[in-house]
Amino acid sequence: AKLNASSKVFRGRIDLKRIGILGHSRGGLAAPMACQRDPRFKACANM
């Protein structure tokens, strides 16, 4: 969000309303946990 607001490269280019998360192994378990706790994630994948 900070990059989207001020970075020369990314300013206005990041769609913060369409964020997904995926992870593998422990990261796969972290993905649904992150979704459950943070509604900014809109979809999650556990590998």
All heavy atoms as atom14 arrays in JSON, in Angstrom:
{
  "sequence": "AKLNASSKVFRGRIDLKRIGILGHSRGGLAAPMACQRDPRFKACANM",
  "atom14_mask": [
    [1, 1, 1, 1, 1, 0, 0, 0, 0, 0, 0, 0, 0, 0],
    [1, 1, 1, 1, 1, 1, 1, 1, 1, 0, 0, 0, 0, 0],
    [1, 1, 1, 1, 1, 1, 1, 1, 0, 0, 0, 0, 0, 0],
    [1, 1, 1, 1, 1, 1, 1, 1, 0, 0, 0, 0, 0, 0],
    [1, 1, 1, 1, 1, 0, 0, 0, 0, 0, 0, 0, 0, 0],
    [1, 1, 1, 1, 1, 1, 0, 0, 0, 0, 0, 0, 0, 0],
    [1, 1, 1, 1, 1, 1, 0, 0, 0, 0, 0, 0, 0, 0],
    [1, 1, 1, 1, 1, 1, 1, 1, 1, 0, 0, 0, 0, 0],
    [1, 1, 1, 1, 1, 1, 1, 0, 0, 0, 0, 0, 0, 0],
    [1, 1, 1, 1, 1, 1, 1, 1, 1, 1, 1, 0, 0, 0],
    [1, 1, 1, 1, 1, 1, 1, 1, 1, 1, 1, 0, 0, 0],
    [1, 1, 1, 1, 0, 0, 0, 0, 0, 0, 0, 0, 0, 0],
    [1, 1, 1, 1, 1, 1, 1, 1, 1, 1, 1, 0, 0, 0],
    [1, 1, 1, 1, 1, 1, 1, 1, 0, 0, 0, 0, 0, 0],
    [1, 1, 1, 1, 1, 1, 1, 1, 0, 0, 0, 0, 0, 0],
    [1, 1, 1, 1, 1, 1, 1, 1, 0, 0, 0, 0, 0, 0],
    [1, 1, 1, 1, 1, 1, 1, 1, 1, 0, 0, 0, 0, 0],
    [1, 1, 1, 1, 1, 1, 1, 1, 1, 1, 1, 0, 0, 0],
    [1, 1, 1, 1, 1, 1, 1, 1, 0, 0, 0, 0, 0, 0],
    [1, 1, 1, 1, 0, 0, 0, 0, 0, 0, 0, 0, 0, 0],
    [1, 1, 1, 1, 1, 1, 1, 1, 0, 0, 0, 0, 0, 0],
    [1, 1, 1, 1, 1, 1, 1, 1, 0, 0, 0, 0, 0, 0],
    [1, 1, 1, 1, 0, 0, 0, 0, 0, 0, 0, 0, 0, 0],
    [1, 1, 1, 1, 1, 1, 1, 1, 1, 1, 0, 0, 0, 0],
    [1, 1, 1, 1, 1, 1, 0, 0, 0, 0, 0, 0, 0, 0],
    [1, 1, 1, 1, 1, 1, 1, 1, 1, 1, 1, 0, 0, 0],
    [1, 1, 1, 1, 0, 0, 0, 0, 0, 0, 0, 0, 0, 0],
    [1, 1, 1, 1, 0, 0, 0, 0, 0, 0, 0, 0, 0, 0],
    [1, 1, 1, 1, 1, 1, 1, 1, 0, 0, 0, 0, 0, 0],
    [1, 1, 1, 1, 1, 0, 0, 0, 0, 0, 0, 0, 0, 0],
    [1, 1, 1, 1, 1, 0, 0, 0, 0, 0, 0, 0, 0, 0],
    [1, 1, 1, 1, 1, 1, 1, 0, 0, 0, 0, 0, 0, 0],
    [1, 1, 1, 1, 1, 1, 1, 1, 0, 0, 0, 0, 0, 0],
    [1, 1, 1, 1, 1, 0, 0, 0, 0, 0, 0, 0, 0, 0],
    [1, 1, 1, 1, 1, 1, 0, 0, 0, 0, 0, 0, 0, 0],
    [1, 1, 1, 1, 1, 1, 1, 1, 1, 0, 0, 0, 0, 0],
    [1, 1, 1, 1, 1, 1, 1, 1, 1, 1, 1, 0, 0, 0],
    [1, 1, 1, 1, 1, 1, 1, 1, 0, 0, 0, 0, 0, 0],
    [1, 1, 1, 1, 1, 1, 1, 0, 0, 0, 0, 0, 0, 0],
    [1, 1, 1, 1, 1, 1, 1, 1, 1, 1, 1, 0, 0, 0],
    [1, 1, 1, 1, 1, 1, 1, 1, 1, 1, 1, 0, 0, 0],
    [1, 1, 1, 1, 1, 1, 1, 1, 1, 0, 0, 0, 0, 0],
    [1, 1, 1, 1, 1, 0, 0, 0, 0, 0, 0, 0, 0, 0],
    [1, 1, 1, 1, 1, 1, 0, 0, 0, 0, 0, 0, 0, 0],
    [1, 1, 1, 1, 1, 0, 0, 0, 0, 0, 0, 0, 0, 0],
    [1, 1, 1, 1, 1, 1, 1, 1, 0, 0, 0, 0, 0, 0],
    [1, 1, 1, 1, 1, 1, 1, 1, 0, 0, 0, 0, 0, 0]
  ],
  "atom14_positions": [
    [[0.84, -1.21, 0.0], [0.0, 0.0, 0.0], [0.86, 1.25, 0.0], [0.55, 2.25, -0.68], [-0.93, -0.02, 1.21], [0.0, 0.0, 0.0], [0.0, 0.0, 0.0], [0.0, 0.0, 0.0], [0.0, 0.0, 0.0], [0.0, 0.0, 0.0], [0.0, 0.0, 0.0], [0.0, 0.0, 0.0], [0.0, 0.0, 0.0], [0.0, 0.0, 0.0]],
    [[1.97, 1.23, 0.74], [2.89, 2.37, 0.76], [3.54, 2.56, -0.61], [3.68, 3.69, -1.09], [3.96, 2.16, 1.83], [3.43, 2.23, 3.26], [4.54, 1.99, 4.28], [4.01, 2.06, 5.7], [5.08, 1.8, 6.7], [0.0, 0.0, 0.0], [0.0, 0.0, 0.0], [0.0, 0.0, 0.0], [0.0, 0.0, 0.0], [0.0, 0.0, 0.0]],
    [[3.93, 1.45, -1.24], [4.52, 1.53, -2.58], [3.5, 2.1, -3.58], [3.85, 2.9, -4.44], [4.98, 0.15, -3.04], [6.21, -0.45, -2.35], [6.43, -1.88, -2.84], [7.45, 0.38, -2.61], [0.0, 0.0, 0.0], [0.0, 0.0, 0.0], [0.0, 0.0, 0.0], [0.0, 0.0, 0.0], [0.0, 0.0, 0.0], [0.0, 0.0, 0.0]],
    [[2.26, 1.66, -3.42], [1.22, 2.11, -4.34], [0.94, 3.61, -4.19], [0.49, 4.27, -5.13], [-0.07, 1.32, -4.08], [-1.06, 1.44, -5.21], [-0.72, 1.24, -6.36], [-2.3, 1.78, -4.88], [0.0, 0.0, 0.0], [0.0, 0.0, 0.0], [0.0, 0.0, 0.0], [0.0, 0.0, 0.0], [0.0, 0.0, 0.0], [0.0, 0.0, 0.0]],
    [[1.24, 4.13, -2.99], [0.96, 5.54, -2.73], [2.12, 6.46, -3.1], [1.91, 7.62, -3.44], [0.61, 5.73, -1.25], [0.0, 0.0, 0.0], [0.0, 0.0, 0.0], [0.0, 0.0, 0.0], [0.0, 0.0, 0.0], [0.0, 0.0, 0.0], [0.0, 0.0, 0.0], [0.0, 0.0, 0.0], [0.0, 0.0, 0.0], [0.0, 0.0, 0.0]],
    [[3.36, 5.93, -3.05], [4.49, 6.84, -3.17], [5.63, 6.39, -4.08], [6.45, 7.21, -4.48], [5.06, 7.13, -1.78], [5.49, 5.92, -1.15], [0.0, 0.0, 0.0], [0.0, 0.0, 0.0], [0.0, 0.0, 0.0], [0.0, 0.0, 0.0], [0.0, 0.0, 0.0], [0.0, 0.0, 0.0], [0.0, 0.0, 0.0], [0.0, 0.0, 0.0]],
    [[5.73, 5.11, -4.4], [6.85, 4.63, -5.2], [6.76, 5.13, -6.64], [5.69, 5.14, -7.25], [6.87, 3.1, -5.19], [7.73, 2.59, -6.18], [0.0, 0.0, 0.0], [0.0, 0.0, 0.0], [0.0, 0.0, 0.0], [0.0, 0.0, 0.0], [0.0, 0.0, 0.0], [0.0, 0.0, 0.0], [0.0, 0.0, 0.0], [0.0, 0.0, 0.0]],
    [[7.89, 5.53, -7.2], [7.92, 5.97, -8.59], [7.56, 4.84, -9.55], [6.93, 5.05, -10.58], [9.31, 6.52, -8.93], [9.66, 7.83, -8.23], [11.03, 8.31, -8.65], [11.38, 9.63, -7.97], [12.74, 10.12, -8.38], [0.0, 0.0, 0.0], [0.0, 0.0, 0.0], [0.0, 0.0, 0.0], [0.0, 0.0, 0.0], [0.0, 0.0, 0.0]],
    [[7.97, 3.63, -9.19], [7.74, 2.48, -10.07], [6.31, 1.95, -9.93], [5.65, 1.64, -10.93], [8.75, 1.36, -9.78], [8.44, 0.13, -10.63], [10.17, 1.84, -10.03], [0.0, 0.0, 0.0], [0.0, 0.0, 0.0], [0.0, 0.0, 0.0], [0.0, 0.0, 0.0], [0.0, 0.0, 0.0], [0.0, 0.0, 0.0], [0.0, 0.0, 0.0]],
    [[5.81, 1.83, -8.69], [4.54, 1.15, -8.45], [3.37, 2.09, -8.16], [2.24, 1.62, -8.0], [4.7, 0.17, -7.28], [5.57, -1.01, -7.59], [6.85, -1.09, -7.08], [5.1, -2.05, -8.38], [7.66, -2.19, -7.37], [5.89, -3.15, -8.67], [7.18, -3.21, -8.16], [0.0, 0.0, 0.0], [0.0, 0.0, 0.0], [0.0, 0.0, 0.0]],
    [[3.6, 3.35, -8.08], [2.53, 4.28, -7.68], [1.3, 4.13, -8.59], [1.37, 4.27, -9.8], [3.03, 5.72, -7.74], [2.01, 6.73, -7.22], [2.6, 8.12, -7.15], [1.64, 9.07, -6.62], [1.91, 10.35, -6.41], [3.12, 10.83, -6.7], [0.98, 11.15, -5.93], [0.0, 0.0, 0.0], [0.0, 0.0, 0.0], [0.0, 0.0, 0.0]],
    [[0.17, 3.82, -7.95], [-1.09, 3.68, -8.67], [-1.21, 2.44, -9.52], [-2.19, 2.28, -10.25], [0.0, 0.0, 0.0], [0.0, 0.0, 0.0], [0.0, 0.0, 0.0], [0.0, 0.0, 0.0], [0.0, 0.0, 0.0], [0.0, 0.0, 0.0], [0.0, 0.0, 0.0], [0.0, 0.0, 0.0], [0.0, 0.0, 0.0], [0.0, 0.0, 0.0]],
    [[-0.26, 1.55, -9.43], [-0.27, 0.35, -10.29], [-0.72, -0.91, -9.56], [-0.97, -1.93, -10.19], [1.13, 0.11, -10.88], [1.6, 1.2, -11.83], [3.03, 0.93, -12.28], [3.5, 1.96, -13.19], [3.38, 1.92, -14.52], [2.78, 0.89, -15.09], [3.83, 2.89, -15.27], [0.0, 0.0, 0.0], [0.0, 0.0, 0.0], [0.0, 0.0, 0.0]],
    [[-0.78, -0.89, -8.25], [-1.13, -2.08, -7.47], [-2.61, -2.05, -7.12], [-3.09, -1.1, -6.49], [-0.28, -2.17, -6.17], [1.21, -2.16, -6.51], [-0.64, -3.42, -5.39], [2.11, -2.13, -5.28], [0.0, 0.0, 0.0], [0.0, 0.0, 0.0], [0.0, 0.0, 0.0], [0.0, 0.0, 0.0], [0.0, 0.0, 0.0], [0.0, 0.0, 0.0]],
    [[-3.34, -3.06, -7.55], [-4.76, -3.15, -7.24], [-4.92, -3.83, -5.88], [-4.92, -5.06, -5.78], [-5.48, -3.94, -8.34], [-7.0, -3.9, -8.18], [-7.47, -3.51, -7.1], [-7.7, -4.26, -9.14], [0.0, 0.0, 0.0], [0.0, 0.0, 0.0], [0.0, 0.0, 0.0], [0.0, 0.0, 0.0], [0.0, 0.0, 0.0], [0.0, 0.0, 0.0]],
    [[-5.07, -3.04, -4.85], [-5.14, -3.57, -3.48], [-6.47, -4.24, -3.17], [-6.63, -4.82, -2.09], [-4.89, -2.43, -2.49], [-3.49, -1.8, -2.58], [-3.42, -0.53, -1.73], [-2.42, -2.79, -2.14], [0.0, 0.0, 0.0], [0.0, 0.0, 0.0], [0.0, 0.0, 0.0], [0.0, 0.0, 0.0], [0.0, 0.0, 0.0], [0.0, 0.0, 0.0]],
    [[-7.42, -4.17, -4.11], [-8.71, -4.82, -3.89], [-8.74, -6.23, -4.47], [-9.74, -6.92, -4.33], [-9.82, -3.98, -4.52], [-10.01, -2.63, -3.86], [-11.15, -1.85, -4.51], [-11.34, -0.5, -3.83], [-12.46, 0.27, -4.46], [0.0, 0.0, 0.0], [0.0, 0.0, 0.0], [0.0, 0.0, 0.0], [0.0, 0.0, 0.0], [0.0, 0.0, 0.0]],
    [[-7.66, -6.64, -5.13], [-7.64, -7.98, -5.74], [-6.31, -8.66, -5.39], [-5.45, -8.85, -6.24], [-7.83, -7.89, -7.25], [-9.2, -7.35, -7.63], [-9.5, -7.54, -9.11], [-8.6, -6.77, -9.97], [-8.74, -6.71, -11.29], [-9.7, -7.39, -11.89], [-7.91, -5.98, -12.01], [0.0, 0.0, 0.0], [0.0, 0.0, 0.0], [0.0, 0.0, 0.0]],
    [[-6.18, -9.03, -4.13], [-4.95, -9.66, -3.65], [-5.23, -11.11, -3.27], [-6.15, -11.4, -2.51], [-4.38, -8.91, -2.42], [-4.02, -7.47, -2.8], [-3.15, -9.64, -1.88], [-3.51, -6.65, -1.64], [0.0, 0.0, 0.0], [0.0, 0.0, 0.0], [0.0, 0.0, 0.0], [0.0, 0.0, 0.0], [0.0, 0.0, 0.0], [0.0, 0.0, 0.0]],
    [[-4.44, -12.01, -3.81], [-4.53, -13.42, -3.44], [-3.25, -13.84, -2.74], [-2.23, -13.15, -2.81], [0.0, 0.0, 0.0], [0.0, 0.0, 0.0], [0.0, 0.0, 0.0], [0.0, 0.0, 0.0], [0.0, 0.0, 0.0], [0.0, 0.0, 0.0], [0.0, 0.0, 0.0], [0.0, 0.0, 0.0], [0.0, 0.0, 0.0], [0.0, 0.0, 0.0]],
    [[-3.3, -14.96, -2.05], [-2.12, -15.46, -1.35], [-2.02, -16.96, -1.56], [-3.02, -17.68, -1.55], [-2.18, -15.12, 0.17], [-0.93, -15.65, 0.88], [-3.45, -15.65, 0.81], [-0.81, -15.19, 2.34], [0.0, 0.0, 0.0], [0.0, 0.0, 0.0], [0.0, 0.0, 0.0], [0.0, 0.0, 0.0], [0.0, 0.0, 0.0], [0.0, 0.0, 0.0]],
    [[-0.79, -17.43, -1.77], [-0.57, -18.87, -1.86], [0.71, -19.22, -1.1], [1.6, -18.38, -0.92], [-0.48, -19.34, -3.31], [0.66, -18.84, -4.2], [1.89, -19.74, -4.07], [0.22, -18.8, -5.65], [0.0, 0.0, 0.0], [0.0, 0.0, 0.0], [0.0, 0.0, 0.0], [0.0, 0.0, 0.0], [0.0, 0.0, 0.0], [0.0, 0.0, 0.0]],
    [[0.78, -20.44, -0.63], [1.96, -20.88, 0.08], [2.12, -22.38, -0.04], [1.18, -23.11, -0.39], [0.0, 0.0, 0.0], [0.0, 0.0, 0.0], [0.0, 0.0, 0.0], [0.0, 0.0, 0.0], [0.0, 0.0, 0.0], [0.0, 0.0, 0.0], [0.0, 0.0, 0.0], [0.0, 0.0, 0.0], [0.0, 0.0, 0.0], [0.0, 0.0, 0.0]],
    [[3.31, -22.85, 0.27], [3.65, -24.27, 0.2], [4.02, -24.78, 1.58], [4.72, -24.09, 2.33], [4.82, -24.46, -0.77], [5.41, -25.84, -0.76], [6.73, -26.09, -0.49], [4.84, -27.05, -0.96], [6.97, -27.38, -0.55], [5.84, -28.0, -0.82], [0.0, 0.0, 0.0], [0.0, 0.0, 0.0], [0.0, 0.0, 0.0], [0.0, 0.0, 0.0]],
    [[3.55, -25.97, 1.94], [3.89, -26.61, 3.21], [3.41, -25.74, 4.37], [2.22, -25.46, 4.49], [5.4, -26.88, 3.26], [5.71, -27.8, 4.27], [0.0, 0.0, 0.0], [0.0, 0.0, 0.0], [0.0, 0.0, 0.0], [0.0, 0.0, 0.0], [0.0, 0.0, 0.0], [0.0, 0.0, 0.0], [0.0, 0.0, 0.0], [0.0, 0.0, 0.0]],
    [[4.31, -25.28, 5.23], [3.87, -24.38, 6.31], [3.26, -23.11, 5.73], [2.29, -22.57, 6.28], [5.05, -24.0, 7.2], [5.42, -25.04, 8.23], [6.5, -24.51, 9.13], [7.07, -25.56, 9.94], [8.23, -25.47, 10.58], [8.93, -24.35, 10.51], [8.69, -26.47, 11.3], [0.0, 0.0, 0.0], [0.0, 0.0, 0.0], [0.0, 0.0, 0.0]],
    [[3.83, -22.65, 4.63], [3.26, -21.48, 3.97], [1.85, -21.73, 3.48], [1.02, -20.82, 3.42], [0.0, 0.0, 0.0], [0.0, 0.0, 0.0], [0.0, 0.0, 0.0], [0.0, 0.0, 0.0], [0.0, 0.0, 0.0], [0.0, 0.0, 0.0], [0.0, 0.0, 0.0], [0.0, 0.0, 0.0], [0.0, 0.0, 0.0], [0.0, 0.0, 0.0]],
    [[1.57, -23.01, 3.13], [0.23, -23.37, 2.71], [-0.78, -23.25, 3.83], [-1.93, -22.89, 3.62], [0.0, 0.0, 0.0], [0.0, 0.0, 0.0], [0.0, 0.0, 0.0], [0.0, 0.0, 0.0], [0.0, 0.0, 0.0], [0.0, 0.0, 0.0], [0.0, 0.0, 0.0], [0.0, 0.0, 0.0], [0.0, 0.0, 0.0], [0.0, 0.0, 0.0]],
    [[-0.35, -23.56, 5.06], [-1.22, -23.4, 6.22], [-1.33, -21.93, 6.62], [-2.35, -21.5, 7.17], [-0.68, -24.21, 7.39], [-0.78, -25.74, 7.25], [-0.02, -26.44, 8.36], [-2.24, -26.18, 7.25], [0.0, 0.0, 0.0], [0.0, 0.0, 0.0], [0.0, 0.0, 0.0], [0.0, 0.0, 0.0], [0.0, 0.0, 0.0], [0.0, 0.0, 0.0]],
    [[-0.29, -21.16, 6.35], [-0.32, -19.74, 6.68], [-1.28, -18.97, 5.78], [-1.87, -17.97, 6.2], [1.08, -19.14, 6.58], [0.0, 0.0, 0.0], [0.0, 0.0, 0.0], [0.0, 0.0, 0.0], [0.0, 0.0, 0.0], [0.0, 0.0, 0.0], [0.0, 0.0, 0.0], [0.0, 0.0, 0.0], [0.0, 0.0, 0.0], [0.0, 0.0, 0.0]],
    [[-1.45, -19.43, 4.53], [-2.29, -18.71, 3.57], [-3.75, -18.61, 4.05], [-4.3, -17.5, 4.11], [-2.21, -19.36, 2.2], [0.0, 0.0, 0.0], [0.0, 0.0, 0.0], [0.0, 0.0, 0.0], [0.0, 0.0, 0.0], [0.0, 0.0, 0.0], [0.0, 0.0, 0.0], [0.0, 0.0, 0.0], [0.0, 0.0, 0.0], [0.0, 0.0, 0.0]],
    [[-4.42, -19.72, 4.4], [-5.8, -19.58, 4.89], [-5.88, -18.85, 6.22], [-6.87, -18.16, 6.49], [-6.29, -21.03, 5.02], [-5.06, -21.86, 5.07], [-4.03, -21.14, 4.27], [0.0, 0.0, 0.0], [0.0, 0.0, 0.0], [0.0, 0.0, 0.0], [0.0, 0.0, 0.0], [0.0, 0.0, 0.0], [0.0, 0.0, 0.0], [0.0, 0.0, 0.0]],
    [[-4.84, -18.98, 7.06], [-4.84, -18.24, 8.32], [-4.78, -16.74, 8.05], [-5.49, -15.95, 8.68], [-3.65, -18.66, 9.19], [-3.62, -17.96, 10.55], [-2.24, -18.5, 11.59], [-2.75, -20.16, 12.03], [0.0, 0.0, 0.0], [0.0, 0.0, 0.0], [0.0, 0.0, 0.0], [0.0, 0.0, 0.0], [0.0, 0.0, 0.0], [0.0, 0.0, 0.0]],
    [[-3.95, -16.34, 7.09], [-3.87, -14.92, 6.72], [-5.2, -14.44, 6.16], [-5.66, -13.34, 6.47], [-2.75, -14.71, 5.7], [0.0, 0.0, 0.0], [0.0, 0.0, 0.0], [0.0, 0.0, 0.0], [0.0, 0.0, 0.0], [0.0, 0.0, 0.0], [0.0, 0.0, 0.0], [0.0, 0.0, 0.0], [0.0, 0.0, 0.0], [0.0, 0.0, 0.0]],
    [[-5.85, -15.28, 5.34], [-7.16, -14.91, 4.78], [-8.2, -14.74, 5.89], [-9.0, -13.81, 5.87], [-7.63, -15.98, 3.8], [-6.98, -15.79, 2.12], [0.0, 0.0, 0.0], [0.0, 0.0, 0.0], [0.0, 0.0, 0.0], [0.0, 0.0, 0.0], [0.0, 0.0, 0.0], [0.0, 0.0, 0.0], [0.0, 0.0, 0.0], [0.0, 0.0, 0.0]],
    [[-8.19, -15.66, 6.84], [-9.18, -15.61, 7.9], [-9.02, -14.36, 8.76], [-9.99, -13.81, 9.26], [-9.05, -16.88, 8.77], [-10.19, -17.11, 9.74], [-9.82, -16.73, 11.17], [-8.69, -16.36, 11.46], [-10.78, -16.84, 12.06], [0.0, 0.0, 0.0], [0.0, 0.0, 0.0], [0.0, 0.0, 0.0], [0.0, 0.0, 0.0], [0.0, 0.0, 0.0]],
    [[-7.79, -13.88, 8.89], [-7.51, -12.75, 9.77], [-7.44, -11.41, 9.06], [-7.49, -10.37, 9.71], [-6.18, -13.01, 10.51], [-6.25, -14.25, 11.39], [-4.97, -14.49, 12.14], [-5.1, -15.69, 12.98], [-4.18, -16.08, 13.84], [-3.05, -15.39, 13.95], [-4.36, -17.16, 14.57], [0.0, 0.0, 0.0], [0.0, 0.0, 0.0], [0.0, 0.0, 0.0]],
    [[-7.32, -11.44, 7.74], [-7.15, -10.18, 7.0], [-8.04, -10.21, 5.76], [-7.72, -10.88, 4.78], [-5.68, -10.01, 6.59], [-5.37, -8.6, 6.11], [-6.3, -7.95, 5.59], [-4.21, -8.17, 6.24], [0.0, 0.0, 0.0], [0.0, 0.0, 0.0], [0.0, 0.0, 0.0], [0.0, 0.0, 0.0], [0.0, 0.0, 0.0], [0.0, 0.0, 0.0]],
    [[-9.16, -9.49, 5.77], [-10.1, -9.51, 4.64], [-9.55, -8.88, 3.37], [-10.19, -8.96, 2.31], [-11.3, -8.73, 5.17], [-10.75, -7.83, 6.23], [-9.63, -8.62, 6.87], [0.0, 0.0, 0.0], [0.0, 0.0, 0.0], [0.0, 0.0, 0.0], [0.0, 0.0, 0.0], [0.0, 0.0, 0.0], [0.0, 0.0, 0.0], [0.0, 0.0, 0.0]],
    [[-8.37, -8.27, 3.44], [-7.78, -7.71, 2.22], [-7.35, -8.81, 1.25], [-7.22, -8.57, 0.06], [-6.59, -6.81, 2.58], [-6.99, -5.55, 3.34], [-5.78, -4.72, 3.71], [-4.9, -5.42, 4.65], [-3.74, -4.92, 5.11], [-3.35, -3.71, 4.71], [-3.02, -5.61, 5.96], [0.0, 0.0, 0.0], [0.0, 0.0, 0.0], [0.0, 0.0, 0.0]],
    [[-7.15, -10.02, 1.76], [-6.89, -11.17, 0.89], [-8.24, -11.66, 0.36], [-9.18, -11.87, 1.13], [-6.19, -12.29, 1.65], [-4.8, -11.96, 2.07], [-4.49, -11.74, 3.4], [-3.77, -11.88, 1.14], [-3.19, -11.44, 3.79], [-2.48, -11.58, 1.52], [-2.19, -11.35, 2.85], [0.0, 0.0, 0.0], [0.0, 0.0, 0.0], [0.0, 0.0, 0.0]],
    [[-8.33, -11.87, -0.94], [-9.6, -12.24, -1.56], [-9.66, -13.7, -1.99], [-10.73, -14.18, -2.38], [-9.87, -11.33, -2.76], [-9.87, -9.84, -2.42], [-10.87, -9.49, -1.32], [-10.86, -8.0, -1.03], [-11.75, -7.65, 0.11], [0.0, 0.0, 0.0], [0.0, 0.0, 0.0], [0.0, 0.0, 0.0], [0.0, 0.0, 0.0], [0.0, 0.0, 0.0]],
    [[-8.55, -14.4, -1.95], [-8.52, -15.82, -2.32], [-7.22, -16.41, -1.81], [-6.21, -15.71, -1.71], [-8.63, -16.01, -3.84], [0.0, 0.0, 0.0], [0.0, 0.0, 0.0], [0.0, 0.0, 0.0], [0.0, 0.0, 0.0], [0.0, 0.0, 0.0], [0.0, 0.0, 0.0], [0.0, 0.0, 0.0], [0.0, 0.0, 0.0], [0.0, 0.0, 0.0]],
    [[-7.24, -17.72, -1.47], [-6.02, -18.31, -0.92], [-5.84, -19.74, -1.41], [-6.8, -20.48, -1.62], [-6.02, -18.26, 0.6], [-7.52, -18.85, 1.41], [0.0, 0.0, 0.0], [0.0, 0.0, 0.0], [0.0, 0.0, 0.0], [0.0, 0.0, 0.0], [0.0, 0.0, 0.0], [0.0, 0.0, 0.0], [0.0, 0.0, 0.0], [0.0, 0.0, 0.0]],
    [[-4.57, -20.11, -1.59], [-4.2, -21.44, -2.08], [-3.18, -22.07, -1.14], [-2.21, -21.43, -0.75], [-3.62, -21.34, -3.49], [0.0, 0.0, 0.0], [0.0, 0.0, 0.0], [0.0, 0.0, 0.0], [0.0, 0.0, 0.0], [0.0, 0.0, 0.0], [0.0, 0.0, 0.0], [0.0, 0.0, 0.0], [0.0, 0.0, 0.0], [0.0, 0.0, 0.0]],
    [[-3.42, -23.32, -0.8], [-2.53, -24.1, 0.06], [-1.95, -25.23, -0.77], [-2.68, -26.09, -1.27], [-3.31, -24.65, 1.25], [-2.5, -25.6, 2.13], [-1.38, -25.99, 1.78], [-3.04, -25.97, 3.26], [0.0, 0.0, 0.0], [0.0, 0.0, 0.0], [0.0, 0.0, 0.0], [0.0, 0.0, 0.0], [0.0, 0.0, 0.0], [0.0, 0.0, 0.0]],
    [[-0.62, -25.24, -0.92], [0.05, -26.26, -1.7], [0.7, -27.3, -0.79], [1.79, -27.09, -0.25], [1.07, -25.62, -2.64], [0.4, -24.71, -3.66], [1.54, -24.12, -4.9], [0.39, -23.3, -6.03], [0.0, 0.0, 0.0], [0.0, 0.0, 0.0], [0.0, 0.0, 0.0], [0.0, 0.0, 0.0], [0.0, 0.0, 0.0], [0.0, 0.0, 0.0]]
  ]
}
